[in-house]
Amino acid sequence: MNRIVFILLLSLTMLCGLNAAVTVESVESAVTPEKGRVCDPFTYTVTVQGTGLDKIRAVLPESKSYFPEPVDKKRKTTDKDKDEENIPPLYAVKSAEIIRGRDADSETLTAKITIIYMKPGTYTLPEIKITGDDGIPIGYKLQTVTIIETNPGGAFEEIEGPIEPASDYKRVALIAAAVIAAIALAAAAGYYIYRYIRKRSESSIPGIQVSPYEQFVIDLDKLKPEELIASGEVRQYAFGMSITFRRFISGRFDFDAAEMTTDEIRGNLKRFMPAGLYNVHGDEIMRCMDLWDISKFAEFTPPGEMLTENLRSVKRGAEKVSVPEAVDVAPGI
């Protein structure tokens, strides 16, 4: 008799222990980051803390692409499947796993998924169904994410695509970028070949040779700087005078000033311009070029009188430095 009572008491104790084994202390959800670009990965976790969590069941989403719900939910399944071939998915689950942990006081169960979205917008993340040992769902806060466009400016860049169709999109983007790069290289090569051929053809033309100063006068006549000053077209004047004068000093002192900065031109004038000429006219030339730089790139509009004086100085300086000195002076200062 005592043995039967002992067995009954032990059974009741074990039954009570089983019923009290599952204790949920907290349920927390989180997503990292909360905002990202199209095709950026998001880490979504739901963590349950308590005891007896081995009896809790979590249903994870499958690792695949998910398409948006149709506007007409009553249409046939075959129509839906047909449309999915022509439209990109809304999001894709890249991985899903259950992570269990334990310390001295409690246990943890973490449902973790990695998800990416293919369209801009704000979305509620898919629900991870978690139920207790009694089958009753365990609630938690559903998280949302905000998705922005991957490349609003339209420039090509390498983007991590979704699991299934995005590989095609990525391949197309890479091919297009390669084609554009090839076109740009071909255009650059063509431009330099054109410049080389033009220089060769110009140097081989027989007949009267035009001096750098004479060419400068011809270029000024084409530019018509007085008219630009009178009409207030300051930037056009500054760009035109800069190009024209750079061409003149390139021919006069045998260095290519076309692509140089003003400081680089200053250094080359000191190197190639006879010291006597530079001492007299060097500072005046550089002041003229500095004014053009300010007019081109700064929020500064010189008055017409200043531009007129600038034009006079340039003409005077070009004429002076175009005449070889009577005394042979070694280049450099």
Protein backbone atom coordinates (compact mmCIF):
# COMPACT_ATOMS: atom_id res chain seq x y z
CA MET A 1 0.00 0.00 0.00
CA ASN A 2 2.75 2.42 0.92
CA ARG A 3 4.50 1.56 -2.33
CA ILE A 4 1.42 2.44 -4.38
CA VAL A 5 1.04 5.77 -2.54
CA PHE A 6 4.70 6.54 -3.19
CA ILE A 7 4.33 5.81 -6.90
CA LEU A 8 1.24 8.04 -7.12
CA LEU A 9 2.97 10.90 -5.32
CA LEU A 10 6.01 10.56 -7.59
CA SER A 11 3.79 10.60 -10.70
CA LEU A 12 1.97 13.71 -9.48
CA THR A 13 5.29 15.42 -8.77
CA MET A 14 6.61 14.58 -12.24
CA LEU A 15 3.36 15.74 -13.87
CA CYS A 16 3.46 19.03 -12.00
CA GLY A 17 7.11 19.40 -12.97
CA LEU A 18 6.27 18.84 -16.60
CA ASN A 19 3.43 21.37 -16.53
CA ALA A 20 5.66 23.96 -14.92
CA ALA A 21 8.68 23.20 -17.08
CA VAL A 22 7.89 25.82 -19.80
CA THR A 23 8.27 29.37 -18.50
CA VAL A 24 8.50 32.32 -20.87
CA GLU A 25 10.15 35.27 -19.18
CA SER A 26 10.48 37.61 -22.18
CA VAL A 27 10.10 37.75 -25.96
CA GLU A 28 12.06 40.37 -27.92
CA SER A 29 12.34 41.06 -31.64
CA ALA A 30 14.90 43.18 -33.48
CA VAL A 31 16.10 43.96 -37.00
CA THR A 32 19.53 45.28 -38.03
CA PRO A 33 19.71 47.68 -39.77
CA GLU A 34 16.31 49.34 -39.73
CA LYS A 35 16.97 51.18 -43.01
CA GLY A 36 18.95 50.11 -46.08
CA ARG A 37 19.17 49.97 -49.82
CA VAL A 38 17.57 47.58 -52.27
CA CYS A 39 19.28 44.17 -51.97
CA ASP A 40 21.02 45.03 -48.68
CA PRO A 41 20.85 42.13 -46.16
CA PHE A 42 18.78 42.60 -42.98
CA THR A 43 19.21 40.42 -39.89
CA TYR A 44 15.86 39.72 -38.21
CA THR A 45 15.75 37.97 -34.81
CA VAL A 46 13.09 36.91 -32.34
CA THR A 47 14.50 35.83 -28.96
CA VAL A 48 12.53 33.95 -26.30
CA GLN A 49 14.00 33.75 -22.76
CA GLY A 50 12.79 31.40 -20.03
CA THR A 51 12.97 27.76 -19.02
CA GLY A 52 11.88 24.55 -20.65
CA LEU A 53 12.20 26.12 -24.10
CA ASP A 54 12.92 22.81 -25.77
CA LYS A 55 9.14 22.36 -25.89
CA ILE A 56 8.62 25.62 -27.80
CA ARG A 57 8.12 25.34 -31.56
CA ALA A 58 9.29 27.99 -34.05
CA VAL A 59 8.29 27.82 -37.72
CA LEU A 60 10.88 29.56 -39.90
CA PRO A 61 10.20 30.82 -43.44
CA GLU A 62 11.77 28.91 -46.31
CA SER A 63 14.94 30.23 -47.94
CA LYS A 64 13.47 31.39 -51.26
CA SER A 65 12.02 34.41 -53.06
CA TYR A 66 8.57 35.73 -52.10
CA PHE A 67 6.36 37.62 -54.54
CA PRO A 68 3.91 40.41 -53.65
CA GLU A 69 0.30 39.51 -53.05
CA PRO A 70 -1.84 39.99 -56.18
CA VAL A 71 -4.24 42.91 -56.29
CA ASP A 72 -7.02 40.50 -57.22
CA LYS A 73 -6.73 37.72 -54.66
CA LYS A 74 -9.53 35.73 -56.31
CA ARG A 75 -7.66 35.07 -59.55
CA LYS A 76 -6.57 31.56 -60.42
CA THR A 77 -3.35 30.07 -59.11
CA THR A 78 -2.14 29.39 -62.65
CA ASP A 79 -2.45 33.11 -63.48
CA LYS A 80 -0.44 33.99 -60.39
CA ASP A 81 2.32 31.56 -61.29
CA LYS A 82 2.42 32.95 -64.82
CA ASP A 83 2.76 36.54 -63.56
CA GLU A 84 5.59 35.60 -61.20
CA GLU A 85 7.72 34.80 -64.22
CA ASN A 86 7.44 38.42 -65.41
CA ILE A 87 7.74 40.44 -62.18
CA PRO A 88 10.58 40.62 -59.65
CA PRO A 89 10.04 39.22 -56.15
CA LEU A 90 9.23 41.50 -53.23
CA TYR A 91 11.81 39.95 -50.91
CA ALA A 92 13.96 36.86 -50.49
CA VAL A 93 14.95 34.91 -47.36
CA LYS A 94 18.63 34.01 -47.73
CA SER A 95 19.02 31.99 -44.51
CA ALA A 96 17.00 30.92 -41.46
CA GLU A 97 18.14 29.16 -38.30
CA ILE A 98 17.29 28.43 -34.65
CA ILE A 99 19.96 29.27 -32.07
CA ARG A 100 19.61 27.90 -28.54
CA GLY A 101 21.51 29.11 -25.52
CA ARG A 102 21.60 28.35 -21.81
CA ASP A 103 23.05 29.88 -18.65
CA ALA A 104 22.71 29.12 -14.95
CA ASP A 105 19.28 30.75 -14.57
CA SER A 106 17.50 30.51 -17.91
CA GLU A 107 17.50 29.40 -21.53
CA THR A 108 17.21 31.35 -24.77
CA LEU A 109 15.75 30.41 -28.14
CA THR A 110 16.55 32.76 -31.02
CA ALA A 111 14.93 32.51 -34.43
CA LYS A 112 17.25 34.30 -36.88
CA ILE A 113 16.67 35.01 -40.56
CA THR A 114 18.59 37.02 -43.15
CA ILE A 115 16.31 38.80 -45.61
CA ILE A 116 16.70 41.17 -48.55
CA TYR A 117 14.11 43.37 -50.30
CA MET A 118 14.01 44.11 -54.03
CA LYS A 119 11.73 47.16 -54.08
CA PRO A 120 11.90 50.53 -52.28
CA GLY A 121 9.30 51.15 -49.57
CA THR A 122 8.50 50.45 -45.91
CA TYR A 123 7.61 46.85 -45.09
CA THR A 124 6.57 44.77 -42.09
CA LEU A 125 8.89 41.78 -41.79
CA PRO A 126 7.36 38.32 -42.21
CA GLU A 127 6.04 36.69 -39.06
CA ILE A 128 8.01 33.88 -37.41
CA LYS A 129 5.38 31.63 -35.82
CA ILE A 130 6.37 30.65 -32.26
CA THR A 131 4.05 28.46 -30.15
CA GLY A 132 4.29 27.05 -26.66
CA ASP A 133 3.93 23.42 -25.69
CA ASP A 134 0.16 23.97 -25.51
CA GLY A 135 0.04 25.13 -29.14
CA ILE A 136 -0.87 28.71 -28.20
CA PRO A 137 1.09 31.34 -30.25
CA ILE A 138 3.60 33.45 -28.35
CA GLY A 139 3.22 37.09 -29.39
CA TYR A 140 5.92 39.67 -30.04
CA LYS A 141 6.34 43.01 -31.79
CA LEU A 142 6.58 42.80 -35.59
CA GLN A 143 9.45 44.91 -36.92
CA THR A 144 9.46 47.11 -40.03
CA VAL A 145 12.25 48.13 -42.40
CA THR A 146 12.60 51.03 -44.84
CA ILE A 147 14.16 50.31 -48.23
CA ILE A 148 15.63 53.06 -50.41
CA GLU A 149 16.77 52.86 -54.02
CA THR A 150 20.15 51.27 -54.57
CA ASN A 151 21.34 53.80 -57.13
CA PRO A 152 19.05 56.88 -57.53
CA GLY A 153 21.55 58.66 -59.84
CA GLY A 154 21.51 55.85 -62.39
CA ALA A 155 25.24 55.07 -62.28
CA PHE A 156 26.22 51.41 -62.64
CA GLU A 157 27.64 49.70 -59.58
CA GLU A 158 27.99 46.16 -58.37
CA ILE A 159 24.94 45.11 -56.36
CA GLU A 160 24.39 41.89 -54.46
CA GLY A 161 21.32 40.43 -56.09
CA PRO A 162 18.57 38.25 -54.67
CA ILE A 163 18.70 34.47 -54.68
CA GLU A 164 17.01 33.65 -57.98
CA PRO A 165 16.24 36.34 -60.60
CA ALA A 166 18.67 39.00 -59.36
CA SER A 167 21.65 37.17 -60.84
CA ASP A 168 20.29 38.11 -64.26
CA TYR A 169 19.89 41.76 -63.27
CA LYS A 170 23.43 41.86 -61.91
CA ARG A 171 24.82 40.26 -65.06
CA VAL A 172 23.05 42.83 -67.25
CA ALA A 173 24.38 45.71 -65.13
CA LEU A 174 27.95 44.41 -65.32
CA ILE A 175 27.74 43.92 -69.08
CA ALA A 176 26.35 47.44 -69.54
CA ALA A 177 29.11 48.90 -67.36
CA ALA A 178 31.75 47.05 -69.37
CA VAL A 179 30.28 48.32 -72.65
CA ILE A 180 30.25 51.92 -71.38
CA ALA A 181 33.85 51.61 -70.17
CA ALA A 182 34.92 50.23 -73.55
CA ILE A 183 33.18 53.09 -75.38
CA ALA A 184 34.85 55.64 -73.09
CA LEU A 185 38.30 54.11 -73.68
CA ALA A 186 37.72 54.03 -77.43
CA ALA A 187 36.61 57.68 -77.41
CA ALA A 188 39.69 58.73 -75.40
CA ALA A 189 42.00 56.79 -77.70
CA GLY A 190 40.33 58.33 -80.75
CA TYR A 191 40.72 61.82 -79.31
CA TYR A 192 44.46 61.44 -78.67
CA ILE A 193 45.00 59.84 -82.09
CA TYR A 194 43.16 62.78 -83.66
CA ARG A 195 45.36 65.28 -81.79
CA TYR A 196 48.51 63.42 -82.82
CA ILE A 197 47.51 63.29 -86.49
CA ARG A 198 46.49 66.94 -86.44
CA LYS A 199 49.81 68.04 -84.96
CA ARG A 200 51.69 65.96 -87.52
CA SER A 201 49.64 67.38 -90.40
CA GLU A 202 50.01 70.96 -89.17
CA SER A 203 53.78 70.59 -88.85
CA SER A 204 54.04 69.14 -92.38
CA ILE A 205 52.02 71.87 -94.15
CA PRO A 206 54.36 73.74 -96.54
CA GLY A 207 54.22 77.46 -97.07
CA ILE A 208 54.34 80.50 -94.81
CA GLN A 209 54.85 79.71 -91.13
CA VAL A 210 52.76 81.78 -88.72
CA SER A 211 54.57 82.92 -85.59
CA PRO A 212 53.03 82.30 -82.15
CA TYR A 213 52.33 86.03 -81.78
CA GLU A 214 50.65 86.26 -85.20
CA GLN A 215 48.52 83.26 -84.33
CA PHE A 216 47.66 84.95 -81.02
CA VAL A 217 46.42 88.03 -82.89
CA ILE A 218 44.35 85.81 -85.21
CA ASP A 219 42.83 83.96 -82.26
CA LEU A 220 41.95 87.25 -80.52
CA ASP A 221 40.23 88.46 -83.67
CA LYS A 222 38.10 85.29 -83.69
CA LEU A 223 37.34 85.51 -79.94
CA LYS A 224 36.31 89.20 -80.05
CA PRO A 225 37.06 89.80 -76.35
CA GLU A 226 35.94 93.46 -76.49
CA GLU A 227 32.42 92.34 -77.43
CA LEU A 228 32.38 89.78 -74.61
CA ILE A 229 33.35 92.47 -72.09
CA ALA A 230 30.75 94.90 -73.43
CA SER A 231 27.96 92.28 -73.22
CA GLY A 232 28.96 91.23 -69.68
CA GLU A 233 29.90 87.64 -70.66
CA VAL A 234 32.66 87.44 -68.07
CA ARG A 235 33.12 83.68 -67.93
CA GLN A 236 33.18 83.34 -71.72
CA TYR A 237 35.83 86.06 -71.80
CA ALA A 238 37.91 84.37 -69.07
CA PHE A 239 37.76 80.91 -70.70
CA GLY A 240 38.49 82.26 -74.17
CA MET A 241 41.42 84.44 -73.08
CA SER A 242 42.88 81.64 -70.97
CA ILE A 243 42.83 79.16 -73.88
CA THR A 244 44.15 81.71 -76.39
CA PHE A 245 47.03 82.88 -74.20
CA ARG A 246 48.00 79.34 -73.18
CA ARG A 247 48.28 78.48 -76.88
CA PHE A 248 50.52 81.52 -77.40
CA ILE A 249 52.98 80.80 -74.59
CA SER A 250 53.07 77.10 -75.62
CA GLY A 251 54.31 78.11 -79.06
CA ARG A 252 56.56 80.90 -77.81
CA PHE A 253 58.43 78.98 -75.10
CA ASP A 254 58.17 75.37 -76.35
CA PHE A 255 56.15 73.72 -73.55
CA ASP A 256 52.55 72.55 -73.61
CA ALA A 257 50.56 74.87 -71.34
CA ALA A 258 47.13 73.73 -72.56
CA GLU A 259 46.51 71.22 -69.76
CA MET A 260 48.59 72.90 -67.04
CA THR A 261 47.35 74.71 -63.96
CA THR A 262 48.27 78.34 -63.47
CA ASP A 263 50.90 77.41 -60.87
CA GLU A 264 52.45 74.89 -63.26
CA ILE A 265 52.61 77.54 -65.98
CA ARG A 266 54.29 79.93 -63.54
CA GLY A 267 57.00 77.36 -62.82
CA ASN A 268 57.58 76.59 -66.52
CA LEU A 269 57.77 80.28 -67.44
CA LYS A 270 60.54 80.68 -64.86
CA ARG A 271 62.30 77.69 -66.41
CA PHE A 272 61.93 78.41 -70.14
CA MET A 273 61.43 82.19 -70.35
CA PRO A 274 64.61 84.29 -70.57
CA ALA A 275 65.36 85.84 -67.21
CA GLY A 276 65.33 89.38 -68.55
CA LEU A 277 61.83 88.97 -70.03
CA TYR A 278 60.47 87.22 -66.95
CA ASN A 279 61.80 89.89 -64.58
CA VAL A 280 59.98 92.57 -66.56
CA HIS A 281 56.79 90.84 -67.71
CA GLY A 282 56.43 87.63 -65.66
CA ASP A 283 54.40 89.07 -62.79
CA GLU A 284 52.12 90.99 -65.15
CA ILE A 285 51.38 87.83 -67.16
CA MET A 286 50.58 85.81 -64.06
CA ARG A 287 48.30 88.56 -62.67
CA CYS A 288 46.30 88.37 -65.89
CA MET A 289 45.98 84.58 -65.63
CA ASP A 290 45.03 84.79 -61.94
CA LEU A 291 42.16 87.13 -62.84
CA TRP A 292 40.88 84.63 -65.40
CA ASP A 293 40.97 81.85 -62.81
CA ILE A 294 39.00 83.94 -60.33
CA SER A 295 36.46 84.86 -63.00
CA LYS A 296 36.02 81.22 -64.07
CA PHE A 297 35.82 79.38 -60.78
CA ALA A 298 34.89 81.81 -57.99
CA GLU A 299 31.76 83.78 -57.18
CA PHE A 300 33.43 86.96 -58.43
CA THR A 301 32.49 89.15 -61.39
CA PRO A 302 35.15 91.73 -62.25
CA PRO A 303 33.87 95.08 -63.53
CA GLY A 304 34.22 95.93 -67.19
CA GLU A 305 37.01 98.44 -66.56
CA MET A 306 39.11 95.75 -64.89
CA LEU A 307 38.56 93.33 -67.78
CA THR A 308 39.44 96.03 -70.31
CA GLU A 309 42.70 96.75 -68.48
CA ASN A 310 43.34 93.01 -68.30
CA LEU A 311 42.96 92.73 -72.09
CA ARG A 312 45.35 95.65 -72.65
CA SER A 313 47.92 94.06 -70.34
CA VAL A 314 47.70 90.71 -72.12
CA LYS A 315 48.13 92.28 -75.55
CA ARG A 316 51.07 94.38 -74.35
CA GLY A 317 52.74 91.47 -72.59
CA ALA A 318 52.31 89.12 -75.55
CA GLU A 319 53.81 91.66 -77.91
CA LYS A 320 56.79 92.32 -75.62
CA VAL A 321 57.70 88.69 -74.95
CA SER A 322 57.24 87.70 -78.59
CA VAL A 323 60.26 89.82 -79.66
CA PRO A 324 63.62 88.07 -79.10
CA GLU A 325 65.91 90.00 -76.79
CA ALA A 326 68.85 91.85 -78.30
CA VAL A 327 71.14 90.32 -75.69
CA ASP A 328 71.18 86.53 -75.41
CA VAL A 329 70.09 85.76 -71.87
CA ALA A 330 70.21 82.20 -70.55
CA PRO A 331 66.78 80.73 -69.64
CA GLY A 332 65.83 80.58 -66.00
CA ILE A 333 65.96 82.92 -63.03
